[in-house]
Structure formats: structure tokens, C-alpha cells
Amino acid sequence: MTELSFIHRFEPATAPERPPLLLLHGTGGDENDLLALGRMVSPGSALLSPRGKILENGMPRFFRRLAEGVFDEEDVRFRANELADFVAEARAAYGLAAPVALGFSNGANIAAAMLMLRPEALAGAALLRAMVPLQDAPQTDLAGKGVLLVSGAMDPIIPEDNAGRLATLLASSGAQVRHEVLPTGHGLSQTDLQLLVKWFAEIGT
């Protein structure tokens, strides 16, 4: 594995016409967590999967938080830029186009922050159980970028209106946002998988 600024896994494309995926795990996950999901939802895509550098009670994350649902926004900004720099490194090392992020929970939140702060780093994003990562996010140009946002109506961590606000923020910057609210909690369901497969098939054509 090529040594870059993040511990990571990389799987080269077997269907190079499909977009590369940037896989971003949730709290307590690592670089192996979403590889199987990535293979399922976009077969043949190159997979780039970094491990978050922050430890919270020994569990990897992509940025610090002050409490459940309360983010250290200065750290969010720093880590989003750091991760965007890693994506640029990996693109050069592996010969990749701009990836589509596939993030869950903490990983979805850092992907949303990257869209707001470093939009050139991503071609689009599938955000599973995401919330607004920055209260004073800059207005960036997301024209032409597709975003799938999937929320749980019974999610105890993320209020439904917060996820709706994130969808509105991204759409107001020009992203083509599809927001689905499922009758589920914070964990992923079979319906999440079906939505992801359909969405990635649409953007891969």
C-alpha cells in the first residue's frame, strides 16, 4: 500500500468507467468498515478508504466533538481540509478522478464539510445519517454535483429538521440533492442499500 498522509485501504477499479469512491466510516470504524458496502453499491469502482485520525475513547473519528451532536467546528474545518489534501495525494498516487464520497454518520458529516469547504475534492456524495457540520458554512459552488442524503425518521442522534437543513444548504449551493427519510433509526437498513445501488447506477451512466 502506498504511504500517504492517512492510514487507508485502496482497491483499484475493475470497471474504470465507474466513479471512484471515497469511503468514510462512522465513529469506531476503520478503513475496512465500508469496503464491502462500496463493492455492493458501485461494483467495479476504485475504493479509497481512509481511517479517521481522531480518537474518542479509543474509537477513530474524522473530527472532534464537544458532546453528542455538538461539533468542534474549528477542528471540523481543519480536518475537512486535511482530508481533502489526502484525496489530492491519493488521486496523484493512484491516478484517480475526483471521487464520490460514501459516508456514514461521522464520515457523512466530514464529507458534507468537504463539500462546503473544498468542493473540488469530491465529484458528489452519498451521505448516510448526516447532519449540518458547520453552522456558518461558506456558500460554495456545487453545481453539477449529485448528493444523496438518507436520514432516519427515528434517529435518536440527528433531528430530522437538522438533516433537512443540510439538504437545503447543499441545494442552495447548486448541488442536485435527493433527500430520503426512512422509517428507521441511526443504523443502516436494507432500504438504504437499495437507494444507494439505484443512485450509484444513475450517476455511473
N, C-alpha and C. Protein backbone atom coordinates (compact mmCIF):
# COMPACT_ATOMS: atom_id res chain seq x y z
N MET A 1 0.84 -1.19 0.00
CA MET A 1 0.00 0.00 0.00
C MET A 1 0.88 1.25 0.00
N THR A 2 0.57 2.18 -0.87
CA THR A 2 1.32 3.44 -0.94
C THR A 2 1.15 4.21 0.36
N GLU A 3 2.25 4.75 0.88
CA GLU A 3 2.19 5.52 2.13
C GLU A 3 1.75 6.94 1.83
N LEU A 4 0.62 7.33 2.39
CA LEU A 4 0.09 8.67 2.24
C LEU A 4 -0.18 9.24 3.64
N SER A 5 -0.83 10.39 3.71
CA SER A 5 -0.98 11.09 4.99
C SER A 5 -2.04 10.48 5.89
N PHE A 6 -2.85 9.56 5.39
CA PHE A 6 -3.82 8.82 6.20
C PHE A 6 -3.55 7.33 6.05
N ILE A 7 -3.68 6.58 7.14
CA ILE A 7 -3.77 5.12 7.01
C ILE A 7 -5.00 4.84 6.17
N HIS A 8 -4.89 3.96 5.18
CA HIS A 8 -6.01 3.76 4.28
C HIS A 8 -5.91 2.41 3.58
N ARG A 9 -7.02 2.03 2.98
CA ARG A 9 -7.06 0.90 2.05
C ARG A 9 -7.40 1.43 0.67
N PHE A 10 -6.83 0.81 -0.35
CA PHE A 10 -7.16 1.17 -1.72
C PHE A 10 -7.39 -0.09 -2.53
N GLU A 11 -8.50 -0.12 -3.26
CA GLU A 11 -8.78 -1.21 -4.19
C GLU A 11 -8.93 -0.60 -5.58
N PRO A 12 -8.09 -0.98 -6.53
CA PRO A 12 -8.18 -0.39 -7.88
C PRO A 12 -9.48 -0.77 -8.58
N ALA A 13 -9.84 0.02 -9.56
CA ALA A 13 -11.08 -0.21 -10.30
C ALA A 13 -10.95 -1.46 -11.18
N THR A 14 -12.05 -2.18 -11.28
CA THR A 14 -12.16 -3.22 -12.29
C THR A 14 -13.14 -2.79 -13.38
N ALA A 15 -13.87 -1.70 -13.13
CA ALA A 15 -14.74 -1.08 -14.14
C ALA A 15 -14.41 0.41 -14.15
N PRO A 16 -13.34 0.78 -14.86
CA PRO A 16 -12.81 2.14 -14.77
C PRO A 16 -13.78 3.23 -15.22
N GLU A 17 -14.86 2.83 -15.90
CA GLU A 17 -15.84 3.84 -16.29
C GLU A 17 -16.69 4.31 -15.10
N ARG A 18 -16.65 3.55 -14.02
CA ARG A 18 -17.44 3.92 -12.84
C ARG A 18 -16.64 4.89 -11.96
N PRO A 19 -17.31 5.78 -11.24
CA PRO A 19 -16.57 6.77 -10.44
C PRO A 19 -15.87 6.11 -9.25
N PRO A 20 -14.68 6.61 -8.89
CA PRO A 20 -14.05 6.12 -7.66
C PRO A 20 -14.85 6.55 -6.45
N LEU A 21 -14.77 5.75 -5.39
CA LEU A 21 -15.49 6.05 -4.15
C LEU A 21 -14.51 6.38 -3.03
N LEU A 22 -14.84 7.40 -2.26
CA LEU A 22 -14.13 7.73 -1.03
C LEU A 22 -15.00 7.24 0.12
N LEU A 23 -14.57 6.20 0.81
CA LEU A 23 -15.37 5.56 1.85
C LEU A 23 -14.99 6.14 3.21
N LEU A 24 -15.99 6.68 3.93
CA LEU A 24 -15.74 7.39 5.18
C LEU A 24 -16.57 6.77 6.31
N HIS A 25 -15.90 6.08 7.20
CA HIS A 25 -16.55 5.28 8.24
C HIS A 25 -17.18 6.16 9.33
N GLY A 26 -18.03 5.55 10.15
CA GLY A 26 -18.59 6.22 11.31
C GLY A 26 -17.69 6.06 12.53
N THR A 27 -18.10 6.65 13.65
CA THR A 27 -17.32 6.58 14.88
C THR A 27 -17.06 5.13 15.28
N GLY A 28 -15.79 4.83 15.54
CA GLY A 28 -15.43 3.48 15.95
C GLY A 28 -15.12 2.55 14.80
N GLY A 29 -15.29 3.05 13.56
CA GLY A 29 -14.97 2.23 12.40
C GLY A 29 -13.50 2.40 12.02
N ASP A 30 -13.14 1.81 10.89
CA ASP A 30 -11.78 1.99 10.38
C ASP A 30 -11.81 1.86 8.86
N GLU A 31 -10.63 1.76 8.28
CA GLU A 31 -10.51 1.77 6.82
C GLU A 31 -11.08 0.53 6.16
N ASN A 32 -11.43 -0.49 6.96
CA ASN A 32 -12.01 -1.71 6.39
C ASN A 32 -13.54 -1.72 6.40
N ASP A 33 -14.14 -0.83 7.19
CA ASP A 33 -15.57 -0.92 7.50
C ASP A 33 -16.50 -0.90 6.29
N LEU A 34 -16.26 0.00 5.36
CA LEU A 34 -17.24 0.23 4.29
C LEU A 34 -16.82 -0.38 2.95
N LEU A 35 -15.74 -1.16 2.95
CA LEU A 35 -15.28 -1.74 1.69
C LEU A 35 -16.35 -2.63 1.07
N ALA A 36 -16.97 -3.49 1.88
CA ALA A 36 -17.99 -4.40 1.33
C ALA A 36 -19.19 -3.61 0.81
N LEU A 37 -19.57 -2.55 1.53
CA LEU A 37 -20.69 -1.71 1.09
C LEU A 37 -20.33 -1.03 -0.24
N GLY A 38 -19.11 -0.52 -0.32
CA GLY A 38 -18.68 0.12 -1.56
C GLY A 38 -18.73 -0.83 -2.74
N ARG A 39 -18.28 -2.06 -2.54
CA ARG A 39 -18.30 -3.05 -3.62
C ARG A 39 -19.73 -3.35 -4.06
N MET A 40 -20.65 -3.38 -3.08
CA MET A 40 -22.05 -3.70 -3.39
C MET A 40 -22.74 -2.59 -4.16
N VAL A 41 -22.51 -1.33 -3.73
CA VAL A 41 -23.31 -0.25 -4.30
C VAL A 41 -22.74 0.28 -5.61
N SER A 42 -21.45 0.08 -5.85
CA SER A 42 -20.87 0.55 -7.11
C SER A 42 -19.83 -0.47 -7.58
N PRO A 43 -20.29 -1.63 -8.05
CA PRO A 43 -19.37 -2.71 -8.42
C PRO A 43 -18.34 -2.24 -9.46
N GLY A 44 -17.09 -2.53 -9.19
CA GLY A 44 -16.04 -2.19 -10.13
C GLY A 44 -15.39 -0.84 -9.91
N SER A 45 -15.97 -0.01 -9.02
CA SER A 45 -15.36 1.28 -8.73
C SER A 45 -14.05 1.10 -7.96
N ALA A 46 -13.10 2.00 -8.18
CA ALA A 46 -11.94 2.08 -7.29
C ALA A 46 -12.43 2.52 -5.92
N LEU A 47 -11.86 1.95 -4.86
CA LEU A 47 -12.27 2.27 -3.49
C LEU A 47 -11.09 2.84 -2.72
N LEU A 48 -11.29 4.01 -2.16
CA LEU A 48 -10.28 4.67 -1.33
C LEU A 48 -10.90 4.86 0.05
N SER A 49 -10.31 4.24 1.06
CA SER A 49 -10.94 4.20 2.38
C SER A 49 -9.94 4.57 3.47
N PRO A 50 -9.95 5.85 3.92
CA PRO A 50 -9.03 6.27 4.97
C PRO A 50 -9.59 6.01 6.37
N ARG A 51 -8.69 5.96 7.33
CA ARG A 51 -9.07 5.85 8.74
C ARG A 51 -9.01 7.24 9.38
N GLY A 52 -10.07 7.61 10.10
CA GLY A 52 -10.08 8.89 10.79
C GLY A 52 -8.94 8.98 11.80
N LYS A 53 -8.38 10.19 11.96
CA LYS A 53 -7.19 10.36 12.80
C LYS A 53 -7.51 10.71 14.25
N ILE A 54 -8.75 11.09 14.53
CA ILE A 54 -9.12 11.47 15.90
C ILE A 54 -9.55 10.23 16.66
N LEU A 55 -9.13 10.13 17.92
CA LEU A 55 -9.59 9.03 18.77
C LEU A 55 -10.49 9.58 19.87
N GLU A 56 -11.68 9.00 20.00
CA GLU A 56 -12.60 9.35 21.08
C GLU A 56 -12.84 8.08 21.89
N ASN A 57 -12.27 8.04 23.09
CA ASN A 57 -12.33 6.82 23.91
C ASN A 57 -11.81 5.61 23.12
N GLY A 58 -10.74 5.85 22.38
CA GLY A 58 -10.13 4.76 21.61
C GLY A 58 -10.77 4.48 20.28
N MET A 59 -11.85 5.20 19.93
CA MET A 59 -12.59 4.92 18.69
C MET A 59 -12.23 5.97 17.64
N PRO A 60 -11.80 5.54 16.45
CA PRO A 60 -11.45 6.51 15.40
C PRO A 60 -12.65 7.31 14.94
N ARG A 61 -12.39 8.61 14.69
CA ARG A 61 -13.37 9.53 14.11
C ARG A 61 -12.61 10.45 13.15
N PHE A 62 -13.37 11.23 12.39
CA PHE A 62 -12.73 12.16 11.45
C PHE A 62 -12.57 13.56 12.01
N PHE A 63 -13.27 13.90 13.10
CA PHE A 63 -13.07 15.20 13.75
C PHE A 63 -13.59 15.12 15.19
N ARG A 64 -13.19 16.10 15.98
CA ARG A 64 -13.58 16.13 17.39
C ARG A 64 -15.01 16.64 17.55
N ARG A 65 -15.64 16.19 18.63
CA ARG A 65 -16.92 16.78 19.01
C ARG A 65 -16.86 17.14 20.50
N LEU A 66 -17.68 18.10 20.87
CA LEU A 66 -17.71 18.56 22.25
C LEU A 66 -18.72 17.76 23.07
N ALA A 67 -19.76 17.29 22.40
CA ALA A 67 -20.80 16.44 23.01
C ALA A 67 -21.54 15.77 21.85
N GLU A 68 -22.47 14.88 22.17
CA GLU A 68 -23.28 14.24 21.13
C GLU A 68 -23.99 15.31 20.32
N GLY A 69 -23.70 15.36 19.03
CA GLY A 69 -24.36 16.33 18.16
C GLY A 69 -23.81 17.74 18.24
N VAL A 70 -22.74 17.95 19.03
CA VAL A 70 -22.13 19.29 19.15
C VAL A 70 -20.68 19.17 18.70
N PHE A 71 -20.37 19.80 17.57
CA PHE A 71 -19.07 19.60 16.94
C PHE A 71 -18.09 20.71 17.32
N ASP A 72 -16.82 20.34 17.37
CA ASP A 72 -15.73 21.32 17.48
C ASP A 72 -15.51 21.85 16.06
N GLU A 73 -16.14 22.98 15.75
CA GLU A 73 -16.18 23.42 14.35
C GLU A 73 -14.82 23.87 13.84
N GLU A 74 -13.96 24.35 14.72
CA GLU A 74 -12.60 24.68 14.29
C GLU A 74 -11.89 23.41 13.83
N ASP A 75 -12.10 22.32 14.58
CA ASP A 75 -11.48 21.05 14.19
C ASP A 75 -12.13 20.50 12.92
N VAL A 76 -13.45 20.67 12.78
CA VAL A 76 -14.13 20.22 11.56
C VAL A 76 -13.46 20.86 10.34
N ARG A 77 -13.22 22.16 10.42
CA ARG A 77 -12.61 22.87 9.29
C ARG A 77 -11.20 22.35 9.01
N PHE A 78 -10.41 22.20 10.07
CA PHE A 78 -9.04 21.71 9.90
C PHE A 78 -9.04 20.31 9.29
N ARG A 79 -9.87 19.42 9.82
CA ARG A 79 -9.87 18.02 9.37
C ARG A 79 -10.45 17.87 7.97
N ALA A 80 -11.44 18.70 7.62
CA ALA A 80 -12.00 18.62 6.27
C ALA A 80 -10.94 19.02 5.24
N ASN A 81 -10.17 20.05 5.56
CA ASN A 81 -9.09 20.46 4.65
C ASN A 81 -7.99 19.41 4.59
N GLU A 82 -7.68 18.81 5.75
CA GLU A 82 -6.66 17.76 5.80
C GLU A 82 -7.08 16.55 4.95
N LEU A 83 -8.36 16.19 5.05
CA LEU A 83 -8.85 15.04 4.28
C LEU A 83 -8.89 15.37 2.79
N ALA A 84 -9.26 16.59 2.45
CA ALA A 84 -9.26 17.00 1.04
C ALA A 84 -7.84 16.94 0.47
N ASP A 85 -6.85 17.33 1.28
CA ASP A 85 -5.45 17.24 0.84
C ASP A 85 -5.05 15.78 0.61
N PHE A 86 -5.52 14.89 1.49
CA PHE A 86 -5.25 13.45 1.31
C PHE A 86 -5.87 12.94 0.01
N VAL A 87 -7.08 13.38 -0.30
CA VAL A 87 -7.73 12.97 -1.55
C VAL A 87 -6.88 13.40 -2.74
N ALA A 88 -6.36 14.62 -2.69
CA ALA A 88 -5.50 15.09 -3.78
C ALA A 88 -4.23 14.23 -3.90
N GLU A 89 -3.64 13.88 -2.75
CA GLU A 89 -2.47 12.98 -2.73
C GLU A 89 -2.80 11.64 -3.37
N ALA A 90 -3.93 11.08 -2.94
CA ALA A 90 -4.32 9.75 -3.42
C ALA A 90 -4.66 9.77 -4.90
N ARG A 91 -5.28 10.84 -5.35
CA ARG A 91 -5.58 10.94 -6.79
C ARG A 91 -4.30 10.91 -7.60
N ALA A 92 -3.28 11.64 -7.13
CA ALA A 92 -2.00 11.66 -7.83
C ALA A 92 -1.30 10.29 -7.76
N ALA A 93 -1.35 9.66 -6.57
CA ALA A 93 -0.66 8.38 -6.38
C ALA A 93 -1.30 7.24 -7.16
N TYR A 94 -2.64 7.25 -7.23
CA TYR A 94 -3.35 6.12 -7.82
C TYR A 94 -3.97 6.43 -9.18
N GLY A 95 -3.82 7.68 -9.64
CA GLY A 95 -4.36 8.04 -10.95
C GLY A 95 -5.88 8.06 -10.99
N LEU A 96 -6.50 8.71 -10.00
CA LEU A 96 -7.95 8.70 -9.85
C LEU A 96 -8.59 10.02 -10.29
N ALA A 97 -9.80 9.92 -10.78
CA ALA A 97 -10.66 11.10 -10.94
C ALA A 97 -11.15 11.52 -9.56
N ALA A 98 -11.78 12.68 -9.49
CA ALA A 98 -12.37 13.11 -8.22
C ALA A 98 -13.38 12.07 -7.76
N PRO A 99 -13.30 11.61 -6.50
CA PRO A 99 -14.19 10.54 -6.05
C PRO A 99 -15.56 11.04 -5.61
N VAL A 100 -16.48 10.11 -5.54
CA VAL A 100 -17.77 10.36 -4.89
C VAL A 100 -17.65 9.81 -3.47
N ALA A 101 -17.95 10.64 -2.48
CA ALA A 101 -17.87 10.19 -1.09
C ALA A 101 -19.06 9.31 -0.75
N LEU A 102 -18.80 8.27 0.01
CA LEU A 102 -19.85 7.45 0.61
C LEU A 102 -19.54 7.42 2.09
N GLY A 103 -20.30 8.18 2.87
CA GLY A 103 -20.00 8.33 4.29
C GLY A 103 -21.18 7.97 5.17
N PHE A 104 -20.86 7.40 6.32
CA PHE A 104 -21.88 7.05 7.32
C PHE A 104 -21.62 7.83 8.60
N SER A 105 -22.63 8.52 9.10
CA SER A 105 -22.60 9.20 10.40
C SER A 105 -21.43 10.19 10.45
N ASN A 106 -20.43 9.97 11.29
CA ASN A 106 -19.30 10.89 11.37
C ASN A 106 -18.62 11.04 10.00
N GLY A 107 -18.53 9.96 9.26
CA GLY A 107 -17.94 10.03 7.92
C GLY A 107 -18.79 10.83 6.95
N ALA A 108 -20.12 10.75 7.09
CA ALA A 108 -21.01 11.57 6.25
C ALA A 108 -20.87 13.04 6.60
N ASN A 109 -20.67 13.32 7.89
CA ASN A 109 -20.54 14.72 8.32
C ASN A 109 -19.26 15.36 7.79
N ILE A 110 -18.15 14.62 7.80
CA ILE A 110 -16.91 15.19 7.27
C ILE A 110 -17.02 15.35 5.75
N ALA A 111 -17.74 14.45 5.09
CA ALA A 111 -17.96 14.60 3.64
C ALA A 111 -18.77 15.85 3.35
N ALA A 112 -19.80 16.11 4.17
CA ALA A 112 -20.61 17.32 3.99
C ALA A 112 -19.75 18.57 4.20
N ALA A 113 -18.85 18.51 5.19
CA ALA A 113 -17.96 19.64 5.44
C ALA A 113 -17.01 19.85 4.26
N MET A 114 -16.53 18.77 3.67
CA MET A 114 -15.67 18.89 2.49
C MET A 114 -16.41 19.54 1.33
N LEU A 115 -17.67 19.17 1.13
CA LEU A 115 -18.46 19.81 0.07
C LEU A 115 -18.55 21.31 0.30
N MET A 116 -18.68 21.71 1.57
CA MET A 116 -18.84 23.12 1.89
C MET A 116 -17.52 23.90 1.81
N LEU A 117 -16.40 23.24 2.16
CA LEU A 117 -15.12 23.93 2.27
C LEU A 117 -14.18 23.68 1.10
N ARG A 118 -14.22 22.47 0.56
CA ARG A 118 -13.29 22.08 -0.51
C ARG A 118 -14.06 21.32 -1.60
N PRO A 119 -14.99 21.98 -2.24
CA PRO A 119 -15.87 21.26 -3.19
C PRO A 119 -15.15 20.59 -4.34
N GLU A 120 -13.94 21.09 -4.66
CA GLU A 120 -13.19 20.48 -5.77
C GLU A 120 -12.71 19.08 -5.45
N ALA A 121 -12.72 18.71 -4.16
CA ALA A 121 -12.18 17.41 -3.75
C ALA A 121 -13.11 16.25 -4.11
N LEU A 122 -14.41 16.54 -4.27
CA LEU A 122 -15.40 15.48 -4.46
C LEU A 122 -16.23 15.73 -5.72
N ALA A 123 -16.59 14.64 -6.39
CA ALA A 123 -17.50 14.74 -7.54
C ALA A 123 -18.96 14.70 -7.10
N GLY A 124 -19.20 14.27 -5.88
CA GLY A 124 -20.54 14.13 -5.34
C GLY A 124 -20.45 13.39 -4.03
N ALA A 125 -21.60 13.06 -3.43
CA ALA A 125 -21.55 12.38 -2.13
C ALA A 125 -22.87 11.68 -1.83
N ALA A 126 -22.75 10.50 -1.22
CA ALA A 126 -23.88 9.80 -0.62
C ALA A 126 -23.69 9.89 0.89
N LEU A 127 -24.58 10.60 1.55
CA LEU A 127 -24.44 10.93 2.97
C LEU A 127 -25.49 10.17 3.76
N LEU A 128 -25.06 9.21 4.56
CA LEU A 128 -25.97 8.38 5.35
C LEU A 128 -25.95 8.85 6.80
N ARG A 129 -27.10 9.34 7.28
CA ARG A 129 -27.27 9.83 8.65
C ARG A 129 -26.34 11.03 8.93
N ALA A 130 -26.40 12.00 8.05
CA ALA A 130 -25.58 13.21 8.19
C ALA A 130 -26.38 14.33 8.84
N MET A 131 -25.64 15.28 9.41
CA MET A 131 -26.24 16.50 9.94
C MET A 131 -25.38 17.69 9.54
N VAL A 132 -25.86 18.89 9.80
CA VAL A 132 -25.13 20.11 9.42
C VAL A 132 -23.81 20.15 10.19
N PRO A 133 -22.66 20.13 9.49
CA PRO A 133 -21.38 20.07 10.21
C PRO A 133 -20.85 21.43 10.65
N LEU A 134 -21.30 22.50 9.97
CA LEU A 134 -20.80 23.84 10.25
C LEU A 134 -21.98 24.81 10.28
N GLN A 135 -22.08 25.58 11.35
CA GLN A 135 -23.21 26.49 11.48
C GLN A 135 -23.06 27.73 10.59
N ASP A 136 -21.82 28.09 10.26
CA ASP A 136 -21.60 29.28 9.41
C ASP A 136 -20.81 28.87 8.17
N ALA A 137 -21.34 27.87 7.46
CA ALA A 137 -20.63 27.35 6.29
C ALA A 137 -20.61 28.38 5.17
N PRO A 138 -19.48 28.48 4.48
CA PRO A 138 -19.42 29.40 3.34
C PRO A 138 -20.28 28.91 2.19
N GLN A 139 -20.75 29.82 1.36
CA GLN A 139 -21.50 29.45 0.16
C GLN A 139 -20.50 29.02 -0.91
N THR A 140 -20.58 27.79 -1.34
CA THR A 140 -19.66 27.30 -2.36
C THR A 140 -20.45 26.87 -3.58
N ASP A 141 -19.76 26.66 -4.69
CA ASP A 141 -20.41 26.30 -5.94
C ASP A 141 -20.40 24.78 -6.09
N LEU A 142 -21.57 24.18 -5.91
CA LEU A 142 -21.69 22.73 -6.02
C LEU A 142 -22.46 22.33 -7.28
N ALA A 143 -22.53 23.24 -8.24
CA ALA A 143 -23.26 22.96 -9.48
C ALA A 143 -22.72 21.70 -10.14
N GLY A 144 -23.64 20.83 -10.54
CA GLY A 144 -23.26 19.60 -11.23
C GLY A 144 -22.91 18.45 -10.32
N LYS A 145 -22.88 18.67 -9.00
CA LYS A 145 -22.55 17.59 -8.07
C LYS A 145 -23.84 16.97 -7.52
N GLY A 146 -23.93 15.66 -7.62
CA GLY A 146 -25.08 14.96 -7.08
C GLY A 146 -24.85 14.59 -5.63
N VAL A 147 -25.89 14.74 -4.81
CA VAL A 147 -25.82 14.38 -3.40
C VAL A 147 -27.05 13.57 -3.03
N LEU A 148 -26.82 12.38 -2.48
CA LEU A 148 -27.89 11.57 -1.91
C LEU A 148 -27.77 11.67 -0.40
N LEU A 149 -28.82 12.14 0.25
CA LEU A 149 -28.85 12.27 1.71
C LEU A 149 -29.94 11.34 2.22
N VAL A 150 -29.56 10.38 3.06
CA VAL A 150 -30.54 9.42 3.59
C VAL A 150 -30.58 9.53 5.11
N SER A 151 -31.75 9.90 5.62
CA SER A 151 -31.93 10.13 7.06
C SER A 151 -32.90 9.10 7.64
N GLY A 152 -32.84 8.93 8.96
CA GLY A 152 -33.78 8.06 9.67
C GLY A 152 -34.78 8.89 10.45
N ALA A 153 -36.06 8.65 10.22
CA ALA A 153 -37.11 9.42 10.91
C ALA A 153 -37.07 9.20 12.42
N MET A 154 -36.54 8.05 12.84
CA MET A 154 -36.48 7.74 14.28
C MET A 154 -35.04 7.76 14.79
N ASP A 155 -34.19 8.50 14.10
CA ASP A 155 -32.78 8.59 14.50
C ASP A 155 -32.68 9.37 15.82
N PRO A 156 -32.17 8.74 16.89
CA PRO A 156 -32.09 9.43 18.18
C PRO A 156 -30.95 10.45 18.25
N ILE A 157 -30.05 10.41 17.26
CA ILE A 157 -28.87 11.27 17.29
C ILE A 157 -29.07 12.53 16.45
N ILE A 158 -29.77 12.39 15.33
CA ILE A 158 -29.90 13.50 14.39
C ILE A 158 -31.36 13.91 14.24
N PRO A 159 -31.72 15.11 14.68
CA PRO A 159 -33.09 15.59 14.48
C PRO A 159 -33.41 15.69 12.99
N GLU A 160 -34.61 15.30 12.62
CA GLU A 160 -34.99 15.29 11.20
C GLU A 160 -34.85 16.67 10.56
N ASP A 161 -35.17 17.73 11.34
CA ASP A 161 -35.09 19.08 10.76
C ASP A 161 -33.64 19.48 10.49
N ASN A 162 -32.69 18.92 11.25
CA ASN A 162 -31.28 19.22 11.00
C ASN A 162 -30.84 18.63 9.66
N ALA A 163 -31.22 17.39 9.41
CA ALA A 163 -30.89 16.77 8.13
C ALA A 163 -31.55 17.52 6.98
N GLY A 164 -32.78 17.98 7.20
CA GLY A 164 -33.47 18.76 6.18
C GLY A 164 -32.76 20.07 5.89
N ARG A 165 -32.21 20.68 6.95
CA ARG A 165 -31.46 21.93 6.78
C ARG A 165 -30.19 21.69 5.95
N LEU A 166 -29.54 20.54 6.20
CA LEU A 166 -28.35 20.20 5.42
C LEU A 166 -28.71 20.06 3.94
N ALA A 167 -29.82 19.38 3.65
CA ALA A 167 -30.26 19.23 2.26
C ALA A 167 -30.50 20.59 1.61
N THR A 168 -31.13 21.50 2.34
CA THR A 168 -31.41 22.84 1.82
C THR A 168 -30.12 23.61 1.57
N LEU A 169 -29.16 23.52 2.52
CA LEU A 169 -27.89 24.21 2.37
C LEU A 169 -27.15 23.75 1.11
N LEU A 170 -27.09 22.45 0.91
CA LEU A 170 -26.36 21.91 -0.24
C LEU A 170 -27.07 22.26 -1.54
N ALA A 171 -28.41 22.18 -1.53
CA ALA A 171 -29.16 22.53 -2.74
C ALA A 171 -29.01 24.01 -3.08
N SER A 172 -28.95 24.86 -2.06
CA SER A 172 -28.81 26.31 -2.30
C SER A 172 -27.45 26.65 -2.90
N SER A 173 -26.48 25.73 -2.74
CA SER A 173 -25.16 25.92 -3.36
C SER A 173 -25.08 25.31 -4.75
N GLY A 174 -26.19 24.75 -5.22
CA GLY A 174 -26.24 24.24 -6.58
C GLY A 174 -26.18 22.74 -6.73
N ALA A 175 -26.01 22.01 -5.62
CA ALA A 175 -25.95 20.55 -5.71
C ALA A 175 -27.32 19.99 -6.11
N GLN A 176 -27.29 18.86 -6.81
CA GLN A 176 -28.53 18.15 -7.15
C GLN A 176 -28.81 17.17 -6.02
N VAL A 177 -29.63 17.60 -5.07
CA VAL A 177 -29.81 16.86 -3.82
C VAL A 177 -31.07 16.00 -3.88
N ARG A 178 -30.90 14.75 -3.50
CA ARG A 178 -32.05 13.86 -3.27
C ARG A 178 -32.03 13.49 -1.79
N HIS A 179 -33.08 13.89 -1.06
CA HIS A 179 -33.14 13.61 0.38
C HIS A 179 -34.25 12.60 0.64
N GLU A 180 -33.86 11.46 1.18
CA GLU A 180 -34.81 10.40 1.52
C GLU A 180 -34.85 10.24 3.04
N VAL A 181 -36.04 10.22 3.61
CA VAL A 181 -36.21 9.98 5.04
C VAL A 181 -36.88 8.62 5.21
N LEU A 182 -36.17 7.70 5.86
CA LEU A 182 -36.65 6.33 6.01
C LEU A 182 -37.23 6.12 7.42
N PRO A 183 -38.18 5.20 7.57
CA PRO A 183 -38.76 4.92 8.88
C PRO A 183 -37.83 4.03 9.71
N THR A 184 -36.69 4.55 10.04
CA THR A 184 -35.68 3.77 10.75
C THR A 184 -34.89 4.69 11.68
N GLY A 185 -33.91 4.11 12.39
CA GLY A 185 -33.10 4.87 13.33
C GLY A 185 -31.76 5.26 12.73
N HIS A 186 -30.70 5.21 13.56
CA HIS A 186 -29.38 5.65 13.09
C HIS A 186 -28.68 4.55 12.29
N GLY A 187 -29.02 3.30 12.54
CA GLY A 187 -28.38 2.21 11.82
C GLY A 187 -28.87 2.10 10.38
N LEU A 188 -28.08 1.42 9.56
CA LEU A 188 -28.43 1.28 8.15
C LEU A 188 -29.40 0.11 7.95
N SER A 189 -30.24 0.25 6.94
CA SER A 189 -31.26 -0.75 6.65
C SER A 189 -31.11 -1.27 5.23
N GLN A 190 -31.89 -2.28 4.89
CA GLN A 190 -31.89 -2.80 3.53
C GLN A 190 -32.32 -1.73 2.53
N THR A 191 -33.23 -0.86 2.97
CA THR A 191 -33.69 0.21 2.07
C THR A 191 -32.57 1.18 1.76
N ASP A 192 -31.70 1.46 2.74
CA ASP A 192 -30.52 2.29 2.47
C ASP A 192 -29.72 1.69 1.32
N LEU A 193 -29.48 0.39 1.40
CA LEU A 193 -28.68 -0.30 0.39
C LEU A 193 -29.34 -0.18 -0.98
N GLN A 194 -30.66 -0.38 -1.02
CA GLN A 194 -31.37 -0.30 -2.31
C GLN A 194 -31.28 1.10 -2.91
N LEU A 195 -31.42 2.12 -2.06
CA LEU A 195 -31.32 3.50 -2.53
C LEU A 195 -29.92 3.79 -3.07
N LEU A 196 -28.90 3.30 -2.36
CA LEU A 196 -27.52 3.53 -2.79
C LEU A 196 -27.24 2.86 -4.13
N VAL A 197 -27.66 1.61 -4.28
CA VAL A 197 -27.43 0.88 -5.53
C VAL A 197 -28.07 1.63 -6.70
N LYS A 198 -29.30 2.08 -6.51
CA LYS A 198 -30.03 2.79 -7.57
C LYS A 198 -29.34 4.12 -7.89
N TRP A 199 -28.95 4.87 -6.86
CA TRP A 199 -28.34 6.18 -7.07
C TRP A 199 -26.98 6.06 -7.76
N PHE A 200 -26.16 5.14 -7.31
CA PHE A 200 -24.85 4.96 -7.94
C PHE A 200 -24.99 4.46 -9.38
N ALA A 201 -26.00 3.65 -9.66
CA ALA A 201 -26.23 3.20 -11.02
C ALA A 201 -26.58 4.39 -11.92
N GLU A 202 -27.36 5.32 -11.36
CA GLU A 202 -27.77 6.51 -12.13
C GLU A 202 -26.60 7.43 -12.41
N ILE A 203 -25.73 7.66 -11.41
CA ILE A 203 -24.63 8.59 -11.62
C ILE A 203 -23.48 7.95 -12.39
N GLY A 204 -23.49 6.62 -12.47
CA GLY A 204 -22.40 5.93 -13.16
C GLY A 204 -22.65 5.74 -14.64
N THR A 205 -23.83 6.21 -15.10
CA THR A 205 -24.14 6.02 -16.52
C THR A 205 -23.87 7.29 -17.31
